[in-house]
Amino acid sequence: MNLLLDLEILGWLLVGLAGLECVPIAAALIAGEPVLAYAGSALTALVFGLPVALSTRSPDRRMRIRDGFLVVSGGWVLASAFGSIPYLLTGTLSPADAFFEAASGFTTTGSTVLTAIESTPRALLLWRSLTQWVGGMGIIVFAVAVLPLLGIGGMQLFKAEVPGPITDKLTPRVSDTARRLWLVYVGFTALAFVALMIAGMPAFDAINHAFTALATGGFSTRSASIGAFGPAVQWVVVFFMMVAGTNFVLHYQVVTGHPRALLRDTEFRFFLLIVVVMIASVTWILRGGMGSGEVLRAAVFQVVSLITTTGYGTADYELWPQLAQLLVLPLLVLGGMAGSTAGGLKSLRVLLGLRALRTTVGRIVHPHEVRPVHYGDRPVSDEVVSGIGVFFVAYLLIAFIAALAVGSAGYDVVTCLSAALTAVGNVGPGLGAVGPSENFAHFPGHVKVVLGLSMIAGRLEIFTVLVLFFPHFWRR
């Protein structure tokens, strides 16, 4: 492990965070709001980050796998800690609340402790949305495009950060991959902004929701979320949530002249099948309760919002029939595609897990049959398949620990389970006391900190954080 190199990278990440905070400074100047809190936050990150970056330059520029895990986990924790400073200096939130809000932002979870969103300073709302936009594609993937300029190889970071059990590279050079993914991400964000403006959303709301929709984050500038806007806006948001929940490698292939790559992709077809089945099920359950067009729009929006882990709301699904509410639980867990900005288990893991189940049952019936798990036309190694099973166990373990933390504060079982699942899955709303019409402000400080850390663990695919707690990770 190269600790000097790790500290250098983390130092530069803080410097980058300080630069990012120039955006709310500019927004505050334009809106005529106080600037000092954002300037102080940027200065704090710079004072801590720049000396570390400059004083720890290692002659060994090689990054090992353990360095990747340490830098990724440390980067997200530091981003959440230093990203909370604007909330503190503006006097908006307490330390525990500020950490929760910042962690929810950078992990694109979308859970919030803000109770009066419309009265929150505009510059702070923009900072809140910006944290989700940066976290959407990943702070570390963004850094991978810059690290080669410092002579630091980024493949270990890319493996630790990019979501999903199978990492698809567009080019042999990981820095080129990161840049191209970011170009696609920025392009879709710009399209979302224009489309929302055309649909009738004011400019400030449009830029914020373009940031948080492409990040599958779910932070909104309105207490009623997307429900504060008309049907045209809601359909536009549905489209871009689906875009964000799809593997960005496929998007790159489409925009570079290979549109058939999307429908040929096995995971995309499986993901689309789940979405369609869930929408049809919810629509059927809700039939007769309101107009058919309104039922369909509510079902489409809420299913897409939850399965892509965006967490926007247009309807309070806790007022739906119990059977429809029951379908919310798997939506809190499934997540979008691998390589997307969505959280959750990822549809690729679910697909391979189901195929592994079928293969295992087949081997029970025919013990001598050799039938490997396939993805597309390729066999999947036993290592990947077993890794998926271990991931499921680790995912449930983190969720159970988070549920115990919520339960220690005296909450009911539904709230405990859904708060834990929505935190680890980076979804946002849940059921019970964290439903779509509620927020997380009522939790005590220690619960907010545990849920914030659970968001980070979930965003980093569990293992990236979990390995740090094993003694052999730190051994030479």
Protein backbone atom coordinates (compact mmCIF):
# COMPACT_ATOMS: atom_id res chain seq x y z
CA MET A 1 0.00 0.00 0.00
CA ASN A 2 1.28 3.47 -0.91
CA LEU A 3 -0.09 5.70 1.85
CA LEU A 4 1.76 8.80 0.65
CA LEU A 5 0.15 8.49 -2.76
CA ASP A 6 -3.26 7.89 -1.17
CA LEU A 7 -2.95 11.04 0.94
CA GLU A 8 -1.84 13.03 -2.10
CA ILE A 9 -4.90 11.94 -4.09
CA LEU A 10 -7.26 12.69 -1.19
CA GLY A 11 -5.64 16.10 -0.84
CA TRP A 12 -6.28 16.88 -4.51
CA LEU A 13 -9.86 15.69 -4.12
CA LEU A 14 -10.39 18.28 -1.40
CA VAL A 15 -8.85 20.92 -3.66
CA GLY A 16 -11.32 19.88 -6.36
CA LEU A 17 -14.16 20.12 -3.85
CA ALA A 18 -13.05 23.66 -3.00
CA GLY A 19 -13.20 24.53 -6.70
CA LEU A 20 -16.68 23.01 -6.97
CA GLU A 21 -17.89 25.32 -4.21
CA CYS A 22 -17.23 28.30 -6.48
CA VAL A 23 -20.58 27.40 -8.10
CA PRO A 24 -22.74 28.25 -5.04
CA ILE A 25 -20.56 31.33 -4.49
CA ALA A 26 -21.51 32.56 -7.96
CA ALA A 27 -25.14 31.56 -7.41
CA ALA A 28 -25.26 33.50 -4.13
CA LEU A 29 -23.84 36.60 -5.83
CA ILE A 30 -26.42 36.38 -8.63
CA ALA A 31 -29.30 35.80 -6.18
CA GLY A 32 -28.15 38.56 -3.81
CA GLU A 33 -27.65 36.08 -0.95
CA PRO A 34 -24.80 36.01 1.61
CA VAL A 35 -21.62 34.57 0.15
CA LEU A 36 -19.49 34.13 3.26
CA ALA A 37 -20.68 30.61 4.14
CA TYR A 38 -19.75 29.18 0.74
CA ALA A 39 -16.47 31.06 0.56
CA GLY A 40 -15.60 29.82 4.06
CA SER A 41 -16.46 26.27 3.07
CA ALA A 42 -14.28 26.43 -0.04
CA LEU A 43 -11.42 27.96 1.95
CA THR A 44 -11.67 25.22 4.60
CA ALA A 45 -11.41 22.46 1.99
CA LEU A 46 -8.51 24.25 0.33
CA VAL A 47 -6.62 24.82 3.60
CA PHE A 48 -6.89 21.15 4.51
CA GLY A 49 -6.42 19.70 1.03
CA LEU A 50 -3.68 21.72 -0.64
CA PRO A 51 -0.93 21.28 1.99
CA VAL A 52 -1.59 17.53 2.12
CA ALA A 53 -1.53 17.25 -1.68
CA LEU A 54 1.73 19.19 -1.99
CA SER A 55 3.59 17.67 0.97
CA THR A 56 2.88 13.97 0.41
CA ARG A 57 3.99 13.54 -3.18
CA SER A 58 5.31 10.00 -3.43
CA PRO A 59 8.14 9.03 -5.80
CA ASP A 60 6.32 5.72 -6.34
CA ARG A 61 3.40 6.56 -8.68
CA ARG A 62 1.99 3.04 -8.82
CA MET A 63 -1.50 2.55 -7.44
CA ARG A 64 -2.33 -0.87 -6.08
CA ILE A 65 -5.72 -2.47 -5.52
CA ARG A 66 -5.72 -1.70 -1.79
CA ASP A 67 -4.91 1.93 -2.55
CA GLY A 68 -7.96 2.06 -4.80
CA PHE A 69 -10.27 0.85 -2.03
CA LEU A 70 -8.76 3.23 0.51
CA VAL A 71 -8.90 6.29 -1.75
CA VAL A 72 -12.44 5.63 -2.96
CA SER A 73 -13.86 5.09 0.54
CA GLY A 74 -11.84 7.93 2.02
CA GLY A 75 -12.84 10.22 -0.83
CA TRP A 76 -16.53 9.71 -0.32
CA VAL A 77 -16.31 10.16 3.45
CA LEU A 78 -14.22 13.32 3.07
CA ALA A 79 -16.58 14.69 0.40
CA SER A 80 -19.55 14.12 2.70
CA ALA A 81 -17.77 15.66 5.70
CA PHE A 82 -16.45 18.76 3.90
CA GLY A 83 -19.56 19.00 1.73
CA SER A 84 -21.61 19.46 4.88
CA ILE A 85 -19.85 22.73 5.78
CA PRO A 86 -22.14 25.02 3.69
CA TYR A 87 -25.15 23.67 5.60
CA LEU A 88 -23.37 24.44 8.88
CA LEU A 89 -22.05 27.89 8.02
CA THR A 90 -25.41 29.06 6.68
CA GLY A 91 -26.95 28.00 10.00
CA THR A 92 -29.39 25.72 8.15
CA LEU A 93 -28.54 22.38 9.78
CA SER A 94 -26.84 20.84 12.81
CA PRO A 95 -23.62 18.80 12.36
CA ALA A 96 -25.39 15.40 12.22
CA ASP A 97 -28.08 16.77 9.90
CA ALA A 98 -25.48 18.43 7.67
CA PHE A 99 -23.46 15.21 7.33
CA PHE A 100 -26.64 13.28 6.53
CA GLU A 101 -27.69 15.79 3.85
CA ALA A 102 -24.22 15.91 2.29
CA ALA A 103 -23.87 12.10 2.31
CA SER A 104 -27.34 11.81 0.81
CA GLY A 105 -26.23 14.24 -1.88
CA PHE A 106 -22.90 12.72 -2.91
CA THR A 107 -24.31 9.20 -2.78
CA THR A 108 -27.35 10.34 -4.84
CA THR A 109 -29.71 8.91 -2.23
CA GLY A 110 -32.05 11.89 -2.02
CA SER A 111 -33.22 11.41 1.57
CA THR A 112 -33.46 14.81 3.22
CA VAL A 113 -33.73 16.45 6.62
CA LEU A 114 -34.80 19.82 5.20
CA THR A 115 -38.35 20.65 6.25
CA ALA A 116 -38.84 24.00 4.47
CA ILE A 117 -37.24 23.56 1.07
CA GLU A 118 -38.83 26.59 -0.60
CA SER A 119 -37.42 28.92 2.06
CA THR A 120 -33.90 27.46 1.82
CA PRO A 121 -31.38 29.83 0.15
CA ARG A 122 -31.16 29.24 -3.59
CA ALA A 123 -27.37 28.94 -3.56
CA LEU A 124 -27.63 26.18 -0.95
CA LEU A 125 -30.27 24.34 -3.01
CA LEU A 126 -27.96 24.52 -6.02
CA TRP A 127 -25.06 23.17 -3.95
CA ARG A 128 -27.33 20.37 -2.77
CA SER A 129 -28.22 19.44 -6.37
CA LEU A 130 -24.62 19.82 -7.52
CA THR A 131 -23.40 17.29 -4.95
CA GLN A 132 -25.79 14.76 -6.47
CA TRP A 133 -24.73 15.54 -10.03
CA VAL A 134 -21.05 15.08 -9.19
CA GLY A 135 -21.77 11.96 -7.15
CA GLY A 136 -23.93 10.55 -9.95
CA MET A 137 -21.14 9.48 -12.24
CA GLY A 138 -18.74 9.34 -9.33
CA ILE A 139 -16.19 11.67 -7.83
CA ILE A 140 -13.52 9.07 -8.36
CA VAL A 141 -14.35 8.34 -12.01
CA PHE A 142 -14.08 12.07 -12.62
CA ALA A 143 -10.72 12.09 -10.88
CA VAL A 144 -9.53 9.19 -13.03
CA ALA A 145 -9.60 11.53 -16.02
CA VAL A 146 -7.28 13.94 -14.19
CA LEU A 147 -4.96 11.58 -12.32
CA PRO A 148 -2.93 10.55 -15.39
CA LEU A 149 -1.83 14.17 -15.62
CA LEU A 150 -0.19 13.65 -12.23
CA GLY A 151 1.40 10.39 -13.35
CA ILE A 152 -1.01 8.22 -11.36
CA GLY A 153 -2.63 5.17 -12.95
CA GLY A 154 -6.38 5.05 -12.37
CA MET A 155 -7.51 1.49 -13.15
CA GLN A 156 -7.72 0.53 -9.48
CA LEU A 157 -9.95 3.53 -8.82
CA PHE A 158 -12.14 2.69 -11.79
CA LYS A 159 -12.65 -0.89 -10.61
CA ALA A 160 -13.49 0.25 -7.09
CA GLU A 161 -15.91 2.98 -8.17
CA VAL A 162 -17.83 1.94 -11.28
CA PRO A 163 -21.07 0.19 -10.20
CA GLY A 164 -21.79 -3.41 -11.05
CA PRO A 165 -20.15 -6.83 -11.00
CA ILE A 166 -18.76 -6.53 -14.54
CA THR A 167 -16.75 -3.47 -15.55
CA ASP A 168 -17.10 -2.52 -19.24
CA LYS A 169 -14.35 -0.28 -20.54
CA LEU A 170 -14.89 1.70 -23.72
CA THR A 171 -11.20 2.10 -24.45
CA PRO A 172 -7.97 0.45 -23.28
CA ARG A 173 -7.07 3.63 -21.36
CA VAL A 174 -9.26 4.09 -18.30
CA SER A 175 -8.77 7.87 -18.38
CA ASP A 176 -10.28 7.97 -21.88
CA THR A 177 -13.18 5.86 -20.65
CA ALA A 178 -13.87 8.27 -17.81
CA ARG A 179 -13.77 11.29 -20.10
CA ARG A 180 -16.14 9.73 -22.61
CA LEU A 181 -18.60 8.67 -19.92
CA TRP A 182 -18.55 12.20 -18.55
CA LEU A 183 -19.17 13.67 -22.01
CA VAL A 184 -22.27 11.49 -22.35
CA TYR A 185 -23.35 12.44 -18.83
CA VAL A 186 -22.91 16.18 -19.45
CA GLY A 187 -24.70 15.91 -22.79
CA PHE A 188 -27.76 14.22 -21.30
CA THR A 189 -27.80 16.77 -18.46
CA ALA A 190 -27.90 19.62 -20.98
CA LEU A 191 -30.70 17.87 -22.90
CA ALA A 192 -32.67 17.40 -19.68
CA PHE A 193 -32.32 21.09 -18.82
CA VAL A 194 -33.61 22.18 -22.25
CA ALA A 195 -36.46 19.63 -22.21
CA LEU A 196 -37.60 20.70 -18.74
CA MET A 197 -37.57 24.34 -19.80
CA ILE A 198 -39.67 23.52 -22.87
CA ALA A 199 -42.08 21.54 -20.65
CA GLY A 200 -42.68 24.68 -18.59
CA MET A 201 -40.29 24.39 -15.64
CA PRO A 202 -38.61 27.66 -14.53
CA ALA A 203 -34.88 27.92 -15.28
CA PHE A 204 -33.63 27.57 -11.69
CA ASP A 205 -35.83 24.53 -11.08
CA ALA A 206 -34.83 23.07 -14.45
CA ILE A 207 -31.07 23.20 -13.82
CA ASN A 208 -31.49 21.66 -10.36
CA HIS A 209 -33.74 18.87 -11.58
CA ALA A 210 -31.52 18.21 -14.60
CA PHE A 211 -28.64 17.70 -12.15
CA THR A 212 -30.59 15.40 -9.84
CA ALA A 213 -32.52 13.44 -12.49
CA LEU A 214 -29.38 12.37 -14.40
CA ALA A 215 -27.76 11.50 -11.09
CA THR A 216 -30.84 9.48 -10.05
CA GLY A 217 -30.57 11.59 -6.92
CA GLY A 218 -34.04 12.94 -6.29
CA PHE A 219 -33.30 16.20 -4.50
CA SER A 220 -35.92 18.77 -5.53
CA THR A 221 -36.38 22.50 -5.14
CA ARG A 222 -39.98 21.94 -4.03
CA SER A 223 -41.41 20.22 -0.97
CA ALA A 224 -43.92 18.46 -3.24
CA SER A 225 -41.05 17.24 -5.47
CA ILE A 226 -42.04 16.73 -9.12
CA GLY A 227 -45.66 16.66 -8.00
CA ALA A 228 -45.44 20.47 -7.88
CA PHE A 229 -45.21 20.53 -11.69
CA GLY A 230 -47.55 19.54 -14.51
CA PRO A 231 -47.88 16.28 -16.50
CA ALA A 232 -45.51 17.43 -19.28
CA VAL A 233 -42.67 17.91 -16.78
CA GLN A 234 -43.42 14.57 -15.16
CA TRP A 235 -43.15 12.67 -18.46
CA VAL A 236 -39.87 14.42 -19.29
CA VAL A 237 -38.49 13.44 -15.89
CA VAL A 238 -39.60 9.82 -16.41
CA PHE A 239 -37.64 9.67 -19.66
CA PHE A 240 -34.43 11.00 -18.14
CA MET A 241 -34.74 8.80 -15.05
CA MET A 242 -34.84 5.81 -17.40
CA VAL A 243 -31.84 7.20 -19.26
CA ALA A 244 -29.92 7.58 -15.99
CA GLY A 245 -30.91 4.09 -14.84
CA THR A 246 -29.41 2.56 -18.00
CA ASN A 247 -25.76 1.56 -18.43
CA PHE A 248 -23.87 4.62 -19.72
CA VAL A 249 -21.61 2.38 -21.79
CA LEU A 250 -24.72 1.51 -23.84
CA HIS A 251 -25.54 5.21 -24.18
CA TYR A 252 -22.07 5.84 -25.53
CA GLN A 253 -22.51 3.06 -28.07
CA VAL A 254 -25.87 4.49 -29.15
CA VAL A 255 -24.62 8.06 -29.61
CA THR A 256 -21.59 6.83 -31.54
CA GLY A 257 -23.75 5.13 -34.16
CA HIS A 258 -24.67 1.73 -32.72
CA PRO A 259 -28.35 2.10 -31.68
CA ARG A 260 -29.01 -1.64 -31.84
CA ALA A 261 -26.60 -2.19 -28.94
CA LEU A 262 -29.35 -1.12 -26.53
CA LEU A 263 -31.96 -3.69 -27.48
CA ARG A 264 -29.35 -6.42 -28.00
CA ASP A 265 -28.15 -6.04 -24.43
CA THR A 266 -29.48 -8.83 -22.22
CA GLU A 267 -29.45 -6.78 -19.03
CA PHE A 268 -31.32 -3.87 -20.63
CA ARG A 269 -34.08 -6.18 -21.85
CA PHE A 270 -34.35 -7.71 -18.37
CA PHE A 271 -34.39 -4.26 -16.72
CA LEU A 272 -37.08 -3.06 -19.16
CA LEU A 273 -39.13 -6.20 -18.51
CA ILE A 274 -39.10 -5.56 -14.75
CA VAL A 275 -40.16 -1.93 -15.27
CA VAL A 276 -43.03 -2.88 -17.60
CA VAL A 277 -44.29 -5.68 -15.33
CA MET A 278 -44.18 -3.45 -12.26
CA ILE A 279 -45.97 -0.60 -14.04
CA ALA A 280 -48.66 -2.96 -15.31
CA SER A 281 -49.12 -4.46 -11.83
CA VAL A 282 -49.42 -1.10 -10.06
CA THR A 283 -51.76 0.26 -12.77
CA TRP A 284 -54.01 -2.79 -12.42
CA ILE A 285 -54.13 -2.45 -8.62
CA LEU A 286 -54.91 1.29 -8.80
CA ARG A 287 -57.54 0.99 -11.55
CA GLY A 288 -60.83 2.71 -10.76
CA GLY A 289 -59.36 4.94 -8.06
CA MET A 290 -58.89 7.91 -10.43
CA GLY A 291 -58.88 8.73 -14.13
CA SER A 292 -57.15 6.14 -16.31
CA GLY A 293 -54.58 8.67 -17.59
CA GLU A 294 -53.79 9.82 -14.07
CA VAL A 295 -53.47 6.23 -12.83
CA LEU A 296 -51.04 5.34 -15.61
CA ARG A 297 -48.94 8.47 -15.06
CA ALA A 298 -48.76 7.89 -11.29
CA ALA A 299 -47.83 4.22 -11.77
CA VAL A 300 -45.19 4.93 -14.41
CA PHE A 301 -43.63 7.78 -12.48
CA GLN A 302 -43.42 6.07 -9.10
CA VAL A 303 -42.20 2.74 -10.46
CA VAL A 304 -39.47 4.37 -12.57
CA SER A 305 -38.53 6.76 -9.75
CA LEU A 306 -38.10 3.95 -7.24
CA ILE A 307 -36.45 1.29 -9.42
CA THR A 308 -33.90 3.81 -10.71
CA THR A 309 -33.37 4.87 -7.06
CA THR A 310 -34.14 8.50 -7.97
CA GLY A 311 -36.79 8.97 -5.32
CA TYR A 312 -38.82 11.82 -6.82
CA GLY A 313 -42.51 11.80 -5.96
CA THR A 314 -45.75 12.80 -7.63
CA ALA A 315 -48.06 10.74 -5.42
CA ASP A 316 -48.08 9.46 -1.85
CA TYR A 317 -47.92 5.71 -2.46
CA GLU A 318 -48.63 5.10 1.24
CA LEU A 319 -52.24 6.03 0.40
CA TRP A 320 -52.36 3.27 -2.22
CA PRO A 321 -53.92 -0.17 -1.51
CA GLN A 322 -51.76 -2.49 0.60
CA LEU A 323 -50.92 -4.73 -2.35
CA ALA A 324 -49.49 -1.76 -4.28
CA GLN A 325 -47.49 -0.72 -1.21
CA LEU A 326 -46.12 -4.25 -0.99
CA LEU A 327 -44.65 -3.84 -4.49
CA VAL A 328 -42.73 -0.82 -3.24
CA LEU A 329 -40.41 -3.06 -1.18
CA PRO A 330 -38.76 -4.89 -4.11
CA LEU A 331 -38.47 -1.55 -5.90
CA LEU A 332 -36.41 -0.26 -2.97
CA VAL A 333 -33.96 -3.12 -3.50
CA LEU A 334 -33.71 -3.92 -7.23
CA GLY A 335 -32.04 -0.76 -8.58
CA GLY A 336 -31.05 0.13 -12.14
CA MET A 337 -28.50 -1.33 -14.52
CA ALA A 338 -24.83 -1.88 -13.80
CA GLY A 339 -22.85 1.08 -15.13
CA SER A 340 -25.73 3.49 -14.50
CA THR A 341 -25.97 6.21 -11.88
CA ALA A 342 -28.64 4.22 -10.02
CA GLY A 343 -28.08 2.37 -6.77
CA GLY A 344 -29.62 -0.85 -5.46
CA LEU A 345 -28.60 -4.42 -6.17
CA LYS A 346 -28.42 -3.72 -9.93
CA SER A 347 -30.48 -5.66 -12.45
CA LEU A 348 -27.41 -7.51 -13.74
CA ARG A 349 -26.84 -9.11 -10.34
CA VAL A 350 -30.51 -10.04 -10.07
CA LEU A 351 -30.47 -11.54 -13.57
CA LEU A 352 -27.32 -13.57 -12.95
CA GLY A 353 -28.62 -14.59 -9.52
CA LEU A 354 -31.82 -15.96 -11.09
CA ARG A 355 -29.84 -17.81 -13.73
CA ALA A 356 -27.56 -19.25 -11.07
CA LEU A 357 -30.67 -20.42 -9.19
CA ARG A 358 -31.96 -22.14 -12.32
CA THR A 359 -28.59 -23.78 -12.91
CA THR A 360 -28.37 -24.97 -9.30
CA VAL A 361 -31.86 -26.52 -9.44
CA GLY A 362 -30.90 -28.19 -12.74
CA ARG A 363 -27.81 -29.70 -11.14
CA ILE A 364 -29.95 -31.09 -8.31
CA VAL A 365 -32.19 -32.85 -10.82
CA HIS A 366 -29.28 -33.88 -13.10
CA PRO A 367 -26.16 -34.10 -10.88
CA HIS A 368 -23.77 -34.93 -13.73
CA GLU A 369 -24.94 -32.17 -16.06
CA VAL A 370 -22.47 -29.35 -16.78
CA ARG A 371 -24.42 -26.16 -17.34
CA PRO A 372 -22.59 -22.89 -16.59
CA VAL A 373 -24.40 -19.60 -16.05
CA HIS A 374 -24.44 -17.55 -19.25
CA TYR A 375 -24.71 -13.83 -19.88
CA GLY A 376 -25.42 -13.16 -23.54
CA ASP A 377 -23.32 -15.69 -25.41
CA ARG A 378 -20.60 -15.79 -22.76
CA PRO A 379 -20.28 -18.16 -19.80
CA VAL A 380 -19.97 -16.39 -16.46
CA SER A 381 -17.14 -17.59 -14.25
CA ASP A 382 -17.93 -19.31 -10.97
CA GLU A 383 -15.98 -16.54 -9.24
CA VAL A 384 -18.42 -13.88 -10.47
CA VAL A 385 -21.46 -16.00 -9.60
CA SER A 386 -20.22 -16.73 -6.07
CA GLY A 387 -19.31 -13.07 -5.69
CA ILE A 388 -22.90 -12.11 -6.43
CA GLY A 389 -24.13 -14.43 -3.68
CA VAL A 390 -21.64 -12.98 -1.21
CA PHE A 391 -22.69 -9.48 -2.26
CA PHE A 392 -26.33 -10.28 -1.46
CA VAL A 393 -25.31 -11.43 2.01
CA ALA A 394 -23.14 -8.35 2.63
CA TYR A 395 -25.92 -6.07 1.34
CA LEU A 396 -28.44 -7.59 3.76
CA LEU A 397 -25.91 -7.43 6.61
CA ILE A 398 -25.36 -3.67 6.16
CA ALA A 399 -29.12 -3.13 5.84
CA PHE A 400 -29.74 -5.13 9.03
CA ILE A 401 -27.18 -3.09 10.98
CA ALA A 402 -28.80 0.13 9.74
CA ALA A 403 -32.25 -1.21 10.68
CA LEU A 404 -31.00 -1.99 14.19
CA ALA A 405 -29.74 1.59 14.51
CA VAL A 406 -33.17 2.92 13.53
CA GLY A 407 -34.87 0.43 15.85
CA SER A 408 -32.70 1.59 18.76
CA ALA A 409 -34.53 4.91 18.55
CA GLY A 410 -37.89 3.19 19.08
CA TYR A 411 -39.26 3.14 15.53
CA ASP A 412 -41.62 0.49 14.16
CA VAL A 413 -40.47 -2.46 12.05
CA VAL A 414 -41.71 -1.04 8.72
CA THR A 415 -39.83 2.22 9.28
CA CYS A 416 -36.68 0.37 10.39
CA LEU A 417 -36.59 -1.92 7.38
CA SER A 418 -37.53 0.64 4.74
CA ALA A 419 -35.19 3.33 6.14
CA ALA A 420 -32.33 0.83 6.05
CA LEU A 421 -33.14 -0.44 2.56
CA THR A 422 -33.60 3.05 1.13
CA ALA A 423 -30.27 4.15 2.64
CA VAL A 424 -28.20 1.18 1.43
CA GLY A 425 -29.99 1.21 -1.94
CA ASN A 426 -29.59 5.00 -2.31
CA VAL A 427 -33.30 5.35 -3.08
CA GLY A 428 -34.56 8.22 -0.88
CA PRO A 429 -38.14 7.67 0.33
CA GLY A 430 -39.37 4.48 1.95
CA LEU A 431 -42.40 3.44 3.97
CA GLY A 432 -43.69 4.31 7.44
CA ALA A 433 -42.09 7.35 9.02
CA VAL A 434 -39.83 7.82 5.96
CA GLY A 435 -42.61 7.68 3.35
CA PRO A 436 -42.83 9.98 0.31
CA SER A 437 -44.63 12.70 2.28
CA GLU A 438 -42.18 12.48 5.20
CA ASN A 439 -38.49 13.31 5.71
CA PHE A 440 -35.63 12.10 7.91
CA ALA A 441 -35.44 15.14 10.22
CA HIS A 442 -37.17 13.32 13.11
CA PHE A 443 -34.38 10.76 13.55
CA PRO A 444 -31.87 11.33 16.38
CA GLY A 445 -28.30 12.27 15.46
CA HIS A 446 -26.72 8.82 15.81
CA VAL A 447 -29.31 7.28 13.48
CA LYS A 448 -28.62 9.94 10.85
CA VAL A 449 -24.90 9.28 11.02
CA VAL A 450 -25.39 5.49 10.68
CA LEU A 451 -27.78 5.97 7.76
CA GLY A 452 -25.33 8.40 6.14
CA LEU A 453 -22.51 5.86 6.40
CA SER A 454 -24.87 3.17 5.06
CA MET A 455 -25.53 5.38 2.03
CA ILE A 456 -21.79 5.60 1.38
CA ALA A 457 -21.39 1.83 1.75
CA GLY A 458 -24.27 1.22 -0.64
CA ARG A 459 -23.03 3.74 -3.19
CA LEU A 460 -19.60 2.09 -3.19
CA GLU A 461 -21.06 -1.39 -3.69
CA ILE A 462 -20.48 -2.56 -0.08
CA PHE A 463 -17.16 -4.42 -0.58
CA THR A 464 -15.16 -1.24 -1.24
CA VAL A 465 -15.95 -0.11 2.30
CA LEU A 466 -16.27 -3.52 3.96
CA VAL A 467 -12.71 -4.63 3.16
CA LEU A 468 -11.35 -1.76 5.27
CA PHE A 469 -12.71 -3.45 8.41
CA PHE A 470 -10.74 -6.66 7.91
CA PRO A 471 -7.30 -6.74 9.65
CA HIS A 472 -5.54 -8.48 6.76
CA PHE A 473 -6.32 -5.47 4.53
CA TRP A 474 -3.87 -3.41 6.59
CA ARG A 475 -1.13 -6.02 6.75
CA ARG A 476 1.93 -5.57 4.60
